[in-house]
C-alpha cells in the first residue's frame, strides 16, 4: 500500500503546530485540531474508498490472430455500502495497443461499472493480460491508496495467414501422388471402405460395428497415399535473417466495431516475420486439405512436431509459430544433412529460408535423389536489410530443377506464393531486383 501526502498539507500542519505551541492561543490550537481532523478524515476516507473493490476480466477466447480484433470486457465492482467518488484502474498488460486503464467516477454502492475494449492484434507472440492496480483517495487529494490485483491471464496471438490456394500442390509433380485405392497391408490415416475378413488381418483392422451387424468378421480397408506427409522446415538460423528497424503504426482513432478483422495488416520489414507468416499460411493450407503436416525448426532449441492432421495439429503449430524467433545457431545446410536422413521417400519437404548460402541447395539436391520431393520458398534477404546477394541461390535452385518461390519485401504473399520462380510452372526472371513474369 502506497500513501502519498502532498508536501503542502504536511507543511501546513507543521506551521499550525508551531504557531499553536509558540502562541498558546485557543484559536491556534483550534486551527491545529481542525487541520489534524481533516487529515485523519481524509486518511480514513481514502482507505475506505478503495476497500471492497473488485475487478473482473472476461474474454471470449484466450487466443487471437494478427489482423483480428481481440475483445475484453472489464467490470469494476463496488461491494461496499458506501459509494466511491472516483477509482482509477491501471492495467499493466503487455499486449501492444491494449488500453484498459481508465478512471471511473461516482461508483454507487453495490454498483458495477462495465466497459469493453477492442484491440487490433498487430504482433504475434504470447502476452499477459494484467496485473492491475486499483487506486483511490479522498476528495481533497491528500491521500491515495493503491491495491494490486496480481491475477494474470495469458493471451496467444498467432501469426497472420494468407490465402495460398495457388501454391504448387505436391500431387501434381510426383507419379503416384493421387490416392491409391487398392488393397494394402498398411494401416494409414485414410479409411476407404470395408471388406470381408482375410486371414492375416490384424485386430485393429476389424470394423466391429459391421461385424456385429452382419454376424461375420469385417475388416477396414485403407487408402495408400504416398504424399500424405508434408514436412515444413523453417530456417531460424539467426545469421541468415535480415530486417529494417520498424515501429508499430499509431493506434486507430476509431475502431470499426462490427468488423472482426482489419482489411490489411502490413508485415514488418523482417525476414523472420515474413517466414513465420508463410509457414503459418502453408500449415493452414495443407491441414485444411486434410494432409498430414510435420514441422521442424532449429531455434534456441530443436522444435519438431511429427506429422498429423486435424484441428489439434493446427493449434499446436500455430502456438509454436506465435513465439518462434531467429535464435538458431545451426545453418540450414547442416539441418538438412542431419534431419534429412530420417525423411521417408515420397514425402513433400517445403523449406522456408532467407539463407544466401548455396550449400543448403546441395543438401536439398541430395534429398531429391533419395526420393524426397522438395520445394523451396526463398526470401530475398537483401530487400529486407543488409544481406548478401540472393540471386546465386535462386540460380542454383533453377539449375537443379527445384521448384522455388521468391518473396521480396513488400510482396503480396498470396501472389508471390502462387507463381514459382523456378521449376515447373510460370517462369520468372530477375530484372532490376524484382521478379517479372514471362
Protein backbone atom coordinates (compact mmCIF):
# COMPACT_ATOMS: atom_id res chain seq x y z
CA UNK A 1 0.00 0.00 0.00
CA UNK A 2 1.45 3.34 -1.05
CA UNK A 3 0.37 6.57 0.67
CA UNK A 4 1.14 9.90 -0.99
CA UNK A 5 0.92 13.12 1.02
CA UNK A 6 1.24 16.42 -0.74
CA UNK A 7 4.07 18.43 0.71
CA UNK A 8 1.84 21.46 1.06
CA UNK A 9 -0.53 19.69 3.50
CA UNK A 10 2.37 18.50 5.62
CA UNK A 11 3.88 21.97 5.73
CA UNK A 12 0.51 23.46 6.65
CA UNK A 13 0.14 21.06 9.58
CA UNK A 14 3.69 21.81 10.78
CA UNK A 15 3.06 25.55 10.57
CA UNK A 16 -0.19 25.16 12.52
CA UNK A 17 1.61 23.09 15.17
CA UNK A 18 4.46 25.59 15.57
CA UNK A 19 2.02 28.51 15.69
CA UNK A 20 -0.11 26.80 18.39
CA UNK A 21 2.90 25.85 20.54
CA UNK A 22 4.55 29.26 20.34
CA UNK A 23 1.45 31.45 20.71
CA UNK A 24 -0.55 29.31 23.16
CA UNK A 25 -3.83 30.82 21.90
CA UNK A 26 -7.03 28.80 21.73
CA UNK A 27 -7.61 29.91 18.15
CA UNK A 28 -4.25 28.46 17.13
CA UNK A 29 -4.99 25.15 18.85
CA UNK A 30 -8.46 25.04 17.30
CA UNK A 31 -6.86 25.54 13.89
CA UNK A 32 -4.38 22.74 14.61
CA UNK A 33 -7.20 20.43 15.71
CA UNK A 34 -9.20 21.27 12.61
CA UNK A 35 -6.31 20.56 10.24
CA UNK A 36 -5.50 17.36 12.09
CA UNK A 37 -9.13 16.26 11.92
CA UNK A 38 -9.27 16.94 8.18
CA UNK A 39 -6.12 14.89 7.66
CA UNK A 40 -7.45 11.97 9.73
CA UNK A 41 -10.83 12.09 8.00
CA UNK A 42 -9.13 12.19 4.58
CA UNK A 43 -6.98 9.20 5.55
CA UNK A 44 -9.99 7.13 6.61
CA UNK A 45 -11.97 8.20 3.55
CA UNK A 46 -9.12 7.29 1.17
CA UNK A 47 -8.69 3.87 2.77
CA UNK A 48 -12.41 3.14 2.68
CA UNK A 49 -12.71 4.35 -0.91
CA UNK A 50 -10.51 1.53 -2.25
CA UNK A 51 -11.84 -1.07 0.17
CA UNK A 52 -14.21 -3.81 -1.07
CA UNK A 53 -13.48 -3.12 -4.72
CA UNK A 54 -13.13 -5.94 -7.23
CA UNK A 55 -12.28 -6.21 -10.90
CA UNK A 56 -13.48 -8.95 -13.21
CA UNK A 57 -11.96 -9.56 -16.66
CA UNK A 58 -13.76 -11.67 -19.26
CA UNK A 59 -12.59 -12.74 -22.71
CA UNK A 60 -14.37 -14.95 -25.21
CA UNK A 61 -11.18 -16.81 -26.08
CA UNK A 62 -7.60 -16.60 -24.92
CA UNK A 63 -6.30 -16.70 -28.49
CA UNK A 64 -6.18 -14.10 -31.19
CA UNK A 65 -4.53 -13.70 -34.59
CA UNK A 66 -2.62 -10.91 -36.23
CA UNK A 67 -5.16 -8.85 -38.15
CA UNK A 68 -8.09 -9.74 -35.89
CA UNK A 69 -9.66 -7.71 -33.09
CA UNK A 70 -9.29 -9.01 -29.56
CA UNK A 71 -12.22 -8.21 -27.27
CA UNK A 72 -12.12 -7.97 -23.49
CA UNK A 73 -14.84 -6.94 -21.06
CA UNK A 74 -13.97 -5.47 -17.66
CA UNK A 75 -16.26 -4.97 -14.66
CA UNK A 76 -15.35 -2.80 -11.68
CA UNK A 77 -17.50 -3.94 -8.74
CA UNK A 78 -18.23 -1.94 -5.59
CA UNK A 79 -19.19 -4.38 -2.83
CA UNK A 80 -19.35 -1.67 -0.19
CA UNK A 81 -22.46 0.04 1.21
CA UNK A 82 -20.83 3.38 0.51
CA UNK A 83 -20.38 4.99 -2.91
CA UNK A 84 -16.94 5.66 -4.38
CA UNK A 85 -16.24 9.13 -5.67
CA UNK A 86 -13.50 8.04 -8.04
CA UNK A 87 -11.49 4.92 -8.76
CA UNK A 88 -8.50 4.68 -11.09
CA UNK A 89 -7.88 1.34 -12.81
CA UNK A 90 -4.36 0.95 -14.15
CA UNK A 91 -3.59 -2.06 -16.35
CA UNK A 92 -0.09 -3.46 -16.92
CA UNK A 93 -0.88 -5.76 -19.85
CA UNK A 94 1.92 -6.01 -22.40
CA UNK A 95 -0.34 -6.51 -25.43
CA UNK A 96 0.52 -3.62 -27.81
CA UNK A 97 -2.27 -1.08 -28.12
CA UNK A 98 -4.44 -2.69 -25.43
CA UNK A 99 -5.72 0.35 -23.49
CA UNK A 100 -7.71 -0.84 -20.48
CA UNK A 101 -6.76 1.79 -17.89
CA UNK A 102 -9.38 4.38 -17.02
CA UNK A 103 -10.89 6.46 -14.20
CA UNK A 104 -14.39 5.57 -13.00
CA UNK A 105 -16.34 8.38 -11.34
CA UNK A 106 -19.29 8.12 -8.97
CA UNK A 107 -19.48 4.38 -8.49
CA UNK A 108 -22.59 3.82 -6.38
CA UNK A 109 -22.94 1.35 -3.56
CA UNK A 110 -23.25 -2.29 -4.69
CA UNK A 111 -22.87 -0.98 -8.23
CA UNK A 112 -20.88 -2.20 -11.24
CA UNK A 113 -19.13 -0.22 -13.95
CA UNK A 114 -18.61 -2.17 -17.15
CA UNK A 115 -16.62 -1.33 -20.27
CA UNK A 116 -15.36 -3.22 -23.31
CA UNK A 117 -12.01 -2.87 -25.03
CA UNK A 118 -11.30 -3.95 -28.62
CA UNK A 119 -7.69 -4.16 -29.67
CA UNK A 120 -6.32 -4.85 -33.12
CA UNK A 121 -3.72 -7.63 -32.83
CA UNK A 122 -0.72 -6.34 -34.72
CA UNK A 123 2.14 -8.52 -33.49
CA UNK A 124 2.33 -12.26 -32.84
CA UNK A 125 3.52 -13.57 -29.50
CA UNK A 126 2.45 -14.62 -26.03
CA UNK A 127 1.20 -11.76 -23.85
CA UNK A 128 -0.10 -11.20 -20.34
CA UNK A 129 -3.42 -9.53 -19.57
CA UNK A 130 -2.75 -7.96 -16.21
CA UNK A 131 -1.78 -7.40 -13.49
CA UNK A 132 -3.96 -4.46 -12.47
CA UNK A 133 -3.80 -1.86 -9.71
CA UNK A 134 -6.82 -0.07 -8.23
CA UNK A 135 -6.16 3.40 -6.84
CA UNK A 136 -8.50 5.72 -4.98
CA UNK A 137 -8.30 8.55 -2.48
CA UNK A 138 -10.12 11.26 -0.61
CA UNK A 139 -11.96 14.17 -2.24
CA UNK A 140 -9.21 16.65 -1.28
CA UNK A 141 -6.50 14.57 -2.92
CA UNK A 142 -4.41 14.34 0.24
CA UNK A 143 -4.06 10.56 0.32
CA UNK A 144 -4.07 7.91 -2.40
CA UNK A 145 -4.20 4.19 -1.69
CA UNK A 146 -3.22 1.62 -4.30
CA UNK A 147 -4.19 -2.04 -4.15
CA UNK A 148 -2.61 -4.51 -6.58
CA UNK A 149 -4.57 -7.29 -8.25
CA UNK A 150 -1.83 -9.71 -9.34
CA UNK A 151 -4.01 -12.07 -11.40
CA UNK A 152 -2.65 -12.55 -14.92
CA UNK A 153 -4.29 -14.19 -17.93
CA UNK A 154 -2.22 -15.46 -20.85
CA UNK A 155 -3.09 -14.50 -24.42
CA UNK A 156 -1.55 -16.09 -27.51
CA UNK A 157 -1.55 -14.09 -30.74
CA UNK A 158 -0.92 -16.41 -33.68
CA UNK A 159 0.66 -15.27 -36.96
CA UNK A 160 -1.33 -13.79 -39.78
CA UNK A 161 -2.29 -16.20 -42.56
CA UNK A 162 -2.92 -15.50 -46.23
CA UNK A 163 -4.61 -17.45 -49.00
CA UNK A 164 -2.08 -19.78 -50.66
CA UNK A 165 -4.56 -21.85 -52.63
CA UNK A 166 -2.41 -21.46 -55.77
CA UNK A 167 0.64 -22.89 -54.06
CA UNK A 168 2.04 -25.82 -56.04
CA UNK A 169 0.10 -28.97 -55.00
CA UNK A 170 2.51 -31.84 -54.30
CA UNK A 171 0.38 -34.49 -56.01
CA UNK A 172 0.78 -32.75 -59.38
CA UNK A 173 4.51 -33.38 -59.64
CA UNK A 174 5.06 -36.92 -58.45
CA UNK A 175 3.85 -40.09 -60.08
CA UNK A 176 1.50 -41.99 -57.82
CA UNK A 177 0.69 -38.81 -55.97
CA UNK A 178 -3.02 -39.43 -56.15
CA UNK A 179 -4.65 -41.64 -53.54
CA UNK A 180 -4.07 -45.28 -54.41
CA UNK A 181 -7.39 -47.10 -53.96
CA UNK A 182 -6.15 -50.67 -53.74
CA UNK A 183 -5.76 -53.30 -51.10
CA UNK A 184 -2.84 -52.51 -48.87
CA UNK A 185 -1.41 -54.31 -45.83
CA UNK A 186 -0.67 -50.95 -44.22
CA UNK A 187 -2.81 -49.13 -41.68
CA UNK A 188 -2.99 -45.48 -42.71
CA UNK A 189 -4.96 -42.45 -41.61
CA UNK A 190 -7.44 -42.73 -44.50
CA UNK A 191 -10.19 -45.40 -44.48
CA UNK A 192 -11.60 -46.17 -47.93
CA UNK A 193 -14.19 -48.79 -47.02
CA UNK A 194 -14.82 -52.24 -45.55
CA UNK A 195 -14.44 -55.84 -46.80
CA UNK A 196 -14.67 -59.39 -45.55
CA UNK A 197 -12.04 -60.51 -43.11
CA UNK A 198 -9.00 -62.11 -44.70
CA UNK A 199 -6.57 -64.43 -42.92
CA UNK A 200 -3.71 -62.41 -41.51
CA UNK A 201 -5.70 -59.20 -40.86
CA UNK A 202 -4.76 -57.65 -37.51
CA UNK A 203 -7.39 -56.98 -34.86
CA UNK A 204 -7.07 -53.21 -35.27
CA UNK A 205 -8.34 -53.59 -38.84
CA UNK A 206 -11.61 -55.23 -37.80
CA UNK A 207 -14.67 -52.98 -38.02
CA UNK A 208 -16.62 -54.24 -35.01
CA UNK A 209 -19.97 -52.47 -35.64
CA UNK A 210 -20.22 -54.01 -39.12
CA UNK A 211 -19.07 -57.37 -37.78
CA UNK A 212 -21.81 -57.33 -35.14
CA UNK A 213 -24.45 -56.31 -37.69
CA UNK A 214 -23.56 -58.93 -40.32
CA UNK A 215 -22.59 -61.75 -37.99
CA UNK A 216 -19.20 -62.25 -39.64
CA UNK A 217 -15.84 -60.52 -39.33
CA UNK A 218 -15.49 -57.37 -41.43
CA UNK A 219 -12.16 -55.57 -41.93
CA UNK A 220 -11.45 -51.96 -42.73
CA UNK A 221 -9.66 -51.10 -45.99
CA UNK A 222 -7.23 -48.21 -46.05
CA UNK A 223 -6.06 -45.84 -48.76
CA UNK A 224 -2.36 -45.65 -49.51
CA UNK A 225 -1.27 -42.08 -50.17
CA UNK A 226 2.49 -41.69 -50.69
CA UNK A 227 2.20 -37.95 -50.39
CA UNK A 228 0.14 -37.83 -47.20
CA UNK A 229 3.03 -36.33 -45.25
CA UNK A 230 4.15 -32.74 -45.75
CA UNK A 231 7.19 -31.62 -43.79
CA UNK A 232 7.84 -27.92 -43.28
CA UNK A 233 11.40 -26.87 -42.43
CA UNK A 234 11.52 -23.28 -41.15
CA UNK A 235 15.02 -21.79 -41.15
CA UNK A 236 15.56 -19.79 -37.94
CA UNK A 237 19.35 -19.52 -38.21
CA UNK A 238 19.99 -16.07 -36.75
CA UNK A 239 22.79 -15.01 -39.11
CA UNK A 240 20.66 -15.73 -42.19
CA UNK A 241 17.89 -13.26 -41.37
CA UNK A 242 17.71 -9.55 -42.10
CA UNK A 243 15.41 -6.72 -41.10
CA UNK A 244 15.00 -2.95 -41.11
CA UNK A 245 14.14 -1.03 -37.91
CA UNK A 246 10.38 -0.70 -37.66
CA UNK A 247 7.79 0.62 -35.21
CA UNK A 248 4.19 -0.32 -34.75
CA UNK A 249 1.83 2.13 -36.51
CA UNK A 250 -0.25 4.54 -34.46
CA UNK A 251 -3.43 3.16 -32.94
CA UNK A 252 -6.66 3.59 -34.85
CA UNK A 253 -8.67 6.66 -33.83
CA UNK A 254 -11.97 4.89 -34.39
CA UNK A 255 -12.31 1.13 -34.50
CA UNK A 256 -14.95 -0.50 -36.72
CA UNK A 257 -16.97 -2.25 -34.03
CA UNK A 258 -18.73 -4.55 -36.46
CA UNK A 259 -15.51 -5.78 -38.12
CA UNK A 260 -13.87 -9.00 -36.97
CA UNK A 261 -10.53 -8.31 -38.64
CA UNK A 262 -8.61 -5.48 -40.23
CA UNK A 263 -8.68 -5.17 -44.01
CA UNK A 264 -4.91 -5.39 -44.25
CA UNK A 265 -2.00 -5.67 -41.84
CA UNK A 266 1.40 -4.63 -43.15
CA UNK A 267 4.11 -7.03 -42.14
CA UNK A 268 7.28 -5.58 -40.62
CA UNK A 269 10.29 -5.47 -42.99
CA UNK A 270 11.75 -8.58 -41.38
CA UNK A 271 12.54 -11.94 -42.92
CA UNK A 272 11.56 -13.55 -39.61
CA UNK A 273 8.00 -12.18 -39.73
CA UNK A 274 7.60 -12.98 -43.42
CA UNK A 275 8.93 -16.52 -42.88
CA UNK A 276 6.60 -17.17 -39.95
CA UNK A 277 3.59 -15.82 -41.86
CA UNK A 278 4.42 -18.01 -44.85
CA UNK A 279 4.86 -21.06 -42.63
CA UNK A 280 1.56 -20.44 -40.83
CA UNK A 281 -0.25 -19.99 -44.15
CA UNK A 282 1.18 -23.22 -45.59
CA UNK A 283 0.35 -25.17 -42.44
CA UNK A 284 -3.25 -24.00 -42.56
CA UNK A 285 -3.49 -24.66 -46.30
CA UNK A 286 -2.33 -28.28 -46.15
CA UNK A 287 -4.21 -29.15 -42.97
CA UNK A 288 -7.42 -27.82 -44.50
CA UNK A 289 -6.67 -30.10 -47.46
CA UNK A 290 -6.62 -33.00 -44.95
CA UNK A 291 -2.93 -33.71 -45.34
CA UNK A 292 -0.61 -34.72 -42.55
CA UNK A 293 1.80 -31.89 -41.74
CA UNK A 294 5.03 -32.09 -39.77
CA UNK A 295 7.22 -29.21 -38.63
CA UNK A 296 10.89 -28.75 -37.85
CA UNK A 297 12.93 -25.70 -36.90
CA UNK A 298 16.17 -25.06 -35.05
CA UNK A 299 15.80 -22.05 -32.77
CA UNK A 300 17.29 -21.81 -29.30
CA UNK A 301 16.07 -25.42 -29.06
CA UNK A 302 15.08 -28.06 -31.59
CA UNK A 303 11.39 -27.69 -32.37
CA UNK A 304 9.91 -30.76 -34.04
CA UNK A 305 6.29 -31.85 -34.42
CA UNK A 306 5.57 -35.20 -36.02
CA UNK A 307 3.14 -35.26 -38.97
CA UNK A 308 -0.53 -35.25 -38.07
CA UNK A 309 -3.75 -33.76 -39.38
CA UNK A 310 -6.74 -32.02 -37.85
CA UNK A 311 -7.57 -29.01 -35.70
CA UNK A 312 -5.36 -30.09 -32.83
CA UNK A 313 -2.30 -30.12 -35.08
CA UNK A 314 -3.18 -26.69 -36.43
CA UNK A 315 -3.48 -25.21 -32.94
CA UNK A 316 -0.22 -26.79 -31.83
CA UNK A 317 1.74 -25.46 -34.79
CA UNK A 318 0.16 -22.01 -34.54
CA UNK A 319 1.21 -21.74 -30.91
CA UNK A 320 4.79 -22.65 -31.82
CA UNK A 321 4.86 -20.13 -34.66
CA UNK A 322 3.40 -17.45 -32.38
CA UNK A 323 6.58 -17.29 -30.28
CA UNK A 324 9.33 -18.64 -32.52
CA UNK A 325 12.34 -16.36 -33.07
CA UNK A 326 15.55 -16.43 -35.11
CA UNK A 327 17.74 -17.69 -32.29
CA UNK A 328 19.19 -20.72 -34.07
CA UNK A 329 22.91 -21.42 -34.28
CA UNK A 330 22.79 -24.28 -36.79
CA UNK A 331 22.93 -23.38 -40.53
CA UNK A 332 20.22 -24.75 -42.80
CA UNK A 333 22.66 -26.94 -44.77
CA UNK A 334 23.62 -28.75 -41.58
CA UNK A 335 19.95 -29.11 -40.54
CA UNK A 336 19.07 -30.70 -43.89
CA UNK A 337 22.06 -33.02 -43.71
CA UNK A 338 21.28 -34.26 -40.20
CA UNK A 339 17.47 -34.32 -40.27
CA UNK A 340 17.01 -35.32 -43.90
CA UNK A 341 18.31 -38.83 -43.25
CA UNK A 342 15.15 -39.61 -41.26
CA UNK A 343 12.77 -38.45 -44.01
CA UNK A 344 10.93 -41.19 -45.85
CA UNK A 345 10.61 -41.44 -49.60
CA UNK A 346 7.71 -39.81 -51.42
CA UNK A 347 7.09 -37.12 -48.81
CA UNK A 348 6.97 -33.44 -49.63
CA UNK A 349 9.56 -31.20 -47.98
CA UNK A 350 8.96 -27.43 -48.00
CA UNK A 351 11.91 -25.28 -46.94
CA UNK A 352 11.26 -21.65 -45.97
CA UNK A 353 14.52 -19.72 -45.71
CA UNK A 354 16.30 -16.40 -46.41
CA UNK A 355 19.70 -18.13 -46.48
CA UNK A 356 22.13 -16.99 -49.18
CA UNK A 357 24.45 -19.97 -48.58
CA UNK A 358 24.24 -22.24 -51.62
CA UNK A 359 25.31 -25.30 -49.63
CA UNK A 360 21.76 -25.92 -48.46
CA UNK A 361 20.71 -26.27 -52.12
CA UNK A 362 23.30 -29.05 -52.48
CA UNK A 363 21.85 -30.78 -49.41
CA UNK A 364 18.36 -30.41 -50.86
CA UNK A 365 19.51 -31.96 -54.14
CA UNK A 366 20.76 -34.98 -52.21
CA UNK A 367 17.34 -35.42 -50.61
CA UNK A 368 15.66 -35.22 -54.01
CA UNK A 369 17.94 -38.02 -55.22
CA UNK A 370 16.60 -40.15 -52.35
CA UNK A 371 13.02 -39.65 -53.47
CA UNK A 372 12.06 -36.67 -51.28
CA UNK A 373 10.08 -34.10 -53.23
CA UNK A 374 11.41 -30.68 -52.23
CA UNK A 375 10.02 -27.18 -52.66
CA UNK A 376 11.85 -24.01 -51.60
CA UNK A 377 10.41 -20.68 -50.52
CA UNK A 378 13.29 -18.22 -50.76
CA UNK A 379 13.10 -14.80 -49.13
CA UNK A 380 15.24 -12.15 -50.81
CA UNK A 381 17.10 -11.06 -47.67
CA UNK A 382 18.75 -8.03 -49.31
CA UNK A 383 15.34 -6.41 -49.85
CA UNK A 384 14.72 -6.54 -46.08
CA UNK A 385 18.04 -5.21 -44.83
CA UNK A 386 21.80 -5.59 -45.12
CA UNK A 387 22.46 -9.08 -46.51
CA UNK A 388 24.41 -10.85 -49.28
CA UNK A 389 23.01 -11.28 -52.77
CA UNK A 390 20.27 -13.92 -53.06
CA UNK A 391 20.42 -14.41 -56.85
CA UNK A 392 23.12 -17.15 -56.75
CA UNK A 393 20.85 -19.27 -54.54
CA UNK A 394 17.93 -18.83 -56.92
CA UNK A 395 20.22 -19.72 -59.81
CA UNK A 396 21.27 -22.93 -58.05
CA UNK A 397 17.64 -23.85 -57.43
CA UNK A 398 16.82 -23.26 -61.10
CA UNK A 399 19.84 -25.27 -62.24
CA UNK A 400 18.81 -28.23 -60.08
CA UNK A 401 15.16 -28.07 -61.11
CA UNK A 402 13.92 -27.41 -57.58
CA UNK A 403 10.53 -25.66 -57.60
CA UNK A 404 11.06 -22.38 -55.78
CA UNK A 405 9.07 -19.31 -54.83
CA UNK A 406 10.72 -15.93 -54.40
CA UNK A 407 9.39 -13.49 -51.80
CA UNK A 408 10.66 -9.92 -51.53
CA UNK A 409 9.92 -7.21 -49.02
CA UNK A 410 6.52 -5.66 -49.68
CA UNK A 411 5.25 -8.52 -51.87
CA UNK A 412 1.68 -9.71 -51.67
CA UNK A 413 2.25 -13.17 -50.24
CA UNK A 414 -0.84 -14.63 -51.90
CA UNK A 415 0.57 -13.66 -55.30
CA UNK A 416 4.20 -14.47 -54.51
CA UNK A 417 3.29 -17.99 -53.35
CA UNK A 418 1.22 -18.59 -56.46
CA UNK A 419 3.93 -18.06 -59.07
CA UNK A 420 7.03 -20.28 -58.96
CA UNK A 421 10.32 -18.57 -59.73
CA UNK A 422 11.96 -21.85 -60.77
CA UNK A 423 10.99 -25.42 -61.57
CA UNK A 424 7.64 -26.30 -63.10
CA UNK A 425 5.08 -23.56 -63.57
CA UNK A 426 5.29 -19.99 -64.92
CA UNK A 427 8.87 -18.89 -65.16
CA UNK A 428 10.24 -15.70 -63.67
CA UNK A 429 13.37 -13.81 -64.44
CA UNK A 430 15.04 -11.25 -62.25
CA UNK A 431 15.29 -7.74 -63.57
CA UNK A 432 16.31 -4.70 -61.54
CA UNK A 433 15.96 -6.66 -58.33
CA UNK A 434 12.26 -7.53 -58.91
CA UNK A 435 10.64 -10.64 -60.45
CA UNK A 436 8.98 -10.33 -63.86
CA UNK A 437 6.79 -12.97 -65.43
CA UNK A 438 7.25 -14.06 -69.00
